[in-house]
Protein backbone atom coordinates (compact mmCIF):
# COMPACT_ATOMS: atom_id res chain seq x y z
CA MET A 1 39.22 -202.44 114.98
CA ARG A 2 36.72 -200.31 115.81
CA SER A 3 36.71 -197.10 113.80
CA HIS A 4 35.07 -193.68 114.12
CA GLY A 5 36.35 -192.46 110.70
CA GLU A 6 34.90 -189.71 108.85
CA PRO A 7 33.19 -190.15 105.44
CA ALA A 8 35.05 -189.80 102.37
CA ALA A 9 34.46 -186.26 101.34
CA LEU A 10 35.53 -184.18 104.24
CA GLY A 11 35.41 -180.55 105.04
CA LEU A 12 37.90 -178.40 106.53
CA ARG A 13 36.35 -178.67 110.17
CA GLU A 14 36.30 -182.44 109.34
CA ARG A 15 39.96 -182.84 108.37
CA LYS A 16 41.28 -180.95 111.15
CA LYS A 17 39.59 -182.75 113.45
CA ALA A 18 40.80 -186.36 111.84
CA ARG A 19 44.26 -184.74 111.83
CA THR A 20 43.97 -184.15 115.85
CA ARG A 21 42.71 -187.79 116.54
CA ALA A 22 45.47 -189.31 114.24
CA ALA A 23 48.15 -187.16 115.85
CA ILE A 24 46.85 -188.01 119.56
CA GLN A 25 46.90 -191.53 118.50
CA ARG A 26 50.36 -190.98 117.12
CA HIS A 27 51.95 -189.28 120.56
CA ALA A 28 49.82 -192.21 122.49
CA LEU A 29 51.67 -194.97 120.61
CA ARG A 30 54.92 -193.11 121.07
CA LEU A 31 54.49 -192.80 124.89
CA PHE A 32 53.63 -196.59 125.11
CA ARG A 33 56.35 -197.44 123.33
CA GLU A 34 58.76 -195.20 125.62
CA HIS A 35 57.06 -195.50 129.19
CA GLY A 36 54.30 -198.86 128.74
CA TYR A 37 50.75 -198.78 128.29
CA GLU A 38 49.82 -198.99 131.90
CA ALA A 39 52.30 -196.46 133.06
CA THR A 40 51.30 -193.57 130.32
CA THR A 41 48.18 -191.23 131.70
CA THR A 42 46.08 -189.72 129.65
CA SER A 43 47.39 -186.36 130.53
CA GLN A 44 50.61 -187.35 129.57
CA ILE A 45 48.99 -188.04 126.05
CA ALA A 46 47.08 -184.79 126.27
CA GLU A 47 50.43 -183.09 126.68
CA ALA A 48 52.36 -184.64 124.05
CA ALA A 49 49.72 -184.19 121.34
CA GLU A 50 49.32 -180.23 122.60
CA VAL A 51 45.71 -180.87 123.50
CA SER A 52 43.97 -180.23 126.66
CA GLU A 53 42.42 -183.31 128.56
CA SER A 54 38.96 -182.86 127.98
CA THR A 55 39.82 -182.96 124.14
CA PHE A 56 41.58 -185.86 124.46
CA PHE A 57 38.50 -187.08 126.05
CA ARG A 58 36.29 -185.89 123.63
CA TYR A 59 38.10 -187.94 120.87
CA PHE A 60 38.71 -190.78 122.72
CA PRO A 61 36.24 -191.89 125.71
CA THR A 62 38.88 -194.05 127.34
CA LYS A 63 42.71 -194.68 126.86
CA GLU A 64 41.68 -198.16 125.17
CA ASP A 65 40.18 -196.24 122.59
CA VAL A 66 43.35 -194.43 121.54
CA VAL A 67 44.77 -197.90 120.73
CA LEU A 68 41.59 -199.67 119.29
CA TRP A 69 40.57 -196.89 116.67
CA ASP A 70 41.34 -196.46 113.40
CA GLU A 71 39.96 -194.79 110.43
CA PHE A 72 39.21 -197.93 107.60
CA ASP A 73 35.26 -198.39 107.99
CA PRO A 74 34.69 -195.53 105.63
CA GLN A 75 37.21 -196.80 103.05
CA VAL A 76 36.16 -200.11 103.34
CA ILE A 77 32.25 -199.16 103.10
CA GLU A 78 33.13 -197.62 99.78
CA VAL A 79 35.29 -200.02 98.05
CA PHE A 80 32.79 -202.84 99.52
CA ARG A 81 29.74 -200.62 97.63
CA SER A 82 31.51 -200.20 94.57
CA GLN A 83 32.32 -204.23 93.70
CA PRO A 84 30.12 -205.85 90.92
CA ALA A 85 26.51 -206.63 91.80
CA GLY A 86 27.40 -210.26 91.01
CA SER A 87 30.39 -210.57 93.66
CA SER A 88 29.12 -212.32 97.18
CA PRO A 89 29.44 -210.60 100.24
CA ILE A 90 32.75 -212.31 101.11
CA GLN A 91 33.80 -211.60 97.84
CA ALA A 92 33.16 -208.09 97.93
CA LEU A 93 34.54 -207.80 101.67
CA ARG A 94 37.87 -209.67 100.66
CA VAL A 95 38.15 -206.86 97.60
CA ALA A 96 37.49 -204.19 99.88
CA PHE A 97 39.94 -205.14 102.68
CA ARG A 98 42.48 -206.12 100.39
CA GLU A 99 42.64 -202.48 98.70
CA VAL A 100 42.46 -200.70 102.04
CA LEU A 101 45.22 -202.13 103.85
CA ASP A 102 47.47 -202.69 100.36
CA GLY A 103 47.05 -198.50 100.18
CA LEU A 104 48.68 -198.23 103.47
CA SER A 105 52.33 -196.84 103.78
CA ASP A 106 54.55 -198.96 105.58
CA GLU A 107 54.43 -196.29 108.82
CA ALA A 108 50.88 -196.92 108.97
CA ARG A 109 51.35 -200.64 108.26
CA ALA A 110 53.89 -200.45 111.13
CA GLU A 111 51.48 -198.67 113.18
CA VAL A 112 48.50 -201.21 112.96
CA ARG A 113 51.23 -203.79 114.21
CA GLU A 114 51.97 -202.00 116.92
CA ARG A 115 48.40 -201.49 117.76
CA LEU A 116 47.64 -205.36 117.61
CA THR A 117 50.66 -206.48 119.44
CA LEU A 118 49.51 -203.94 122.22
CA VAL A 119 45.77 -205.48 121.89
CA LEU A 120 46.94 -208.92 122.19
CA SER A 121 49.42 -207.80 125.21
CA VAL A 122 47.28 -205.76 127.60
CA PRO A 123 44.64 -207.53 129.28
CA PRO A 124 42.34 -204.54 129.65
CA LEU A 125 42.68 -203.74 125.57
CA ARG A 126 41.62 -207.58 124.93
CA ALA A 127 38.39 -207.47 127.01
CA THR A 128 37.80 -204.01 125.54
CA LEU A 129 37.82 -205.36 122.04
CA LEU A 130 35.83 -208.40 123.32
CA ASP A 131 33.32 -205.71 124.77
CA GLN A 132 33.21 -203.78 121.30
CA VAL A 133 32.82 -207.04 118.65
CA VAL A 134 29.18 -206.08 118.58
CA GLY A 135 29.80 -202.89 116.54
CA PRO A 136 31.89 -204.51 113.75
CA ILE A 137 29.36 -207.46 113.48
CA ARG A 138 26.28 -204.95 113.22
CA LEU A 139 28.40 -203.14 110.66
CA LEU A 140 29.02 -206.31 108.37
CA ALA A 141 25.76 -207.57 108.42
CA ALA A 142 24.26 -204.12 107.67
CA LEU A 143 26.64 -204.37 104.54
CA VAL A 144 26.01 -207.87 103.75
CA ALA A 145 21.85 -207.16 104.21
CA GLU A 146 22.49 -204.11 101.58
CA ARG A 147 24.03 -206.22 99.01
CA THR A 148 21.84 -209.41 99.61
CA GLY A 149 18.66 -207.61 99.79
CA ARG A 150 18.33 -209.61 103.28
CA ARG A 151 17.46 -207.91 106.51
CA ALA A 152 20.50 -207.14 108.80
CA GLU A 153 18.94 -209.25 111.78
CA ASP A 154 18.75 -212.64 109.41
CA PRO A 155 20.61 -215.15 111.43
CA ALA A 156 22.09 -215.99 108.45
CA VAL A 157 23.54 -212.57 107.86
CA ARG A 158 24.68 -211.89 111.33
CA THR A 159 26.28 -215.46 110.98
CA LEU A 160 28.40 -214.69 107.82
CA ALA A 161 29.31 -210.88 109.41
CA GLY A 162 30.65 -213.11 112.50
CA ALA A 163 32.65 -215.47 110.39
CA VAL A 164 34.46 -212.41 108.64
CA LEU A 165 35.03 -210.94 111.81
CA GLY A 166 36.47 -213.84 113.23
CA VAL A 167 38.51 -214.90 110.47
CA SER A 168 39.91 -211.32 110.24
CA LEU A 169 40.65 -211.28 113.90
CA SER A 170 42.59 -214.44 114.06
CA ALA A 171 44.64 -213.14 110.92
CA MET A 172 45.49 -209.85 112.91
CA PHE A 173 46.18 -211.84 115.56
CA GLU A 174 48.61 -214.34 114.19
CA ALA A 175 50.43 -210.96 112.04
CA ALA A 176 50.65 -209.78 115.51
CA GLU A 177 52.79 -212.59 116.95
CA ASP A 178 54.78 -213.05 113.78
CA PRO A 179 56.82 -209.73 113.14
CA GLY A 180 57.83 -211.11 110.17
CA ALA A 181 54.22 -211.88 108.79
CA ASP A 182 52.22 -209.60 106.16
CA VAL A 183 49.05 -208.72 108.05
CA VAL A 184 47.61 -207.77 104.78
CA GLN A 185 48.39 -211.31 103.26
CA LEU A 186 47.31 -212.91 106.07
CA ILE A 187 44.02 -211.30 106.03
CA ASP A 188 43.43 -212.08 102.43
CA GLU A 189 44.42 -215.52 102.59
CA ALA A 190 41.97 -216.31 105.83
CA MET A 191 39.00 -214.75 103.75
CA ALA A 192 40.11 -217.06 100.78
CA ARG A 193 39.58 -219.78 103.01
CA LEU A 194 36.41 -218.26 104.30
CA GLU A 195 34.90 -218.06 100.68
CA ALA A 196 35.91 -221.61 99.94
CA GLY A 197 33.63 -222.87 102.94
CA LEU A 198 36.59 -223.13 105.43
CA PRO A 199 38.47 -226.19 103.96
CA LEU A 200 40.55 -228.54 106.14
């Protein structure tokens, strides 16, 4: 999922902005549950969150963005960079994904599942997600390049970044389709298979 997350050390102003963004998303998800995604307008979301519609668009340029946004990227980056130098990029990313997702509350996990279900079931959201894969691939490529000393534009680095994103999306889609599945476990298992060379 795309992130507009804040740095780990937040000032008062940044914390307030983060709370506002999260509140807007929370109200949006409630309205989507009650009225459906297509029937819910940005003005209704703004009213429920007690912000102006212009404020809504300052945080989320489109209605699709309010579903696709999450705050995980800065956390993943922090854990990734803390991994031992001997860890491979895939190992370091696997640990980062697992630690960040394991730290989610039950409520946060439920929200992740709800957003994934929306992405799968609403065509405009699916299309927007595909349009936005460039950003996550660039982020992953930059992290891999940083760890390996290679260029982010290196085809091997980009291929690895694309593979990580691919197996992660596959796991998330599986979790969205199976209400009983554990998305954290599915992502970790997918990363483990990638680390092992994707054996069949």
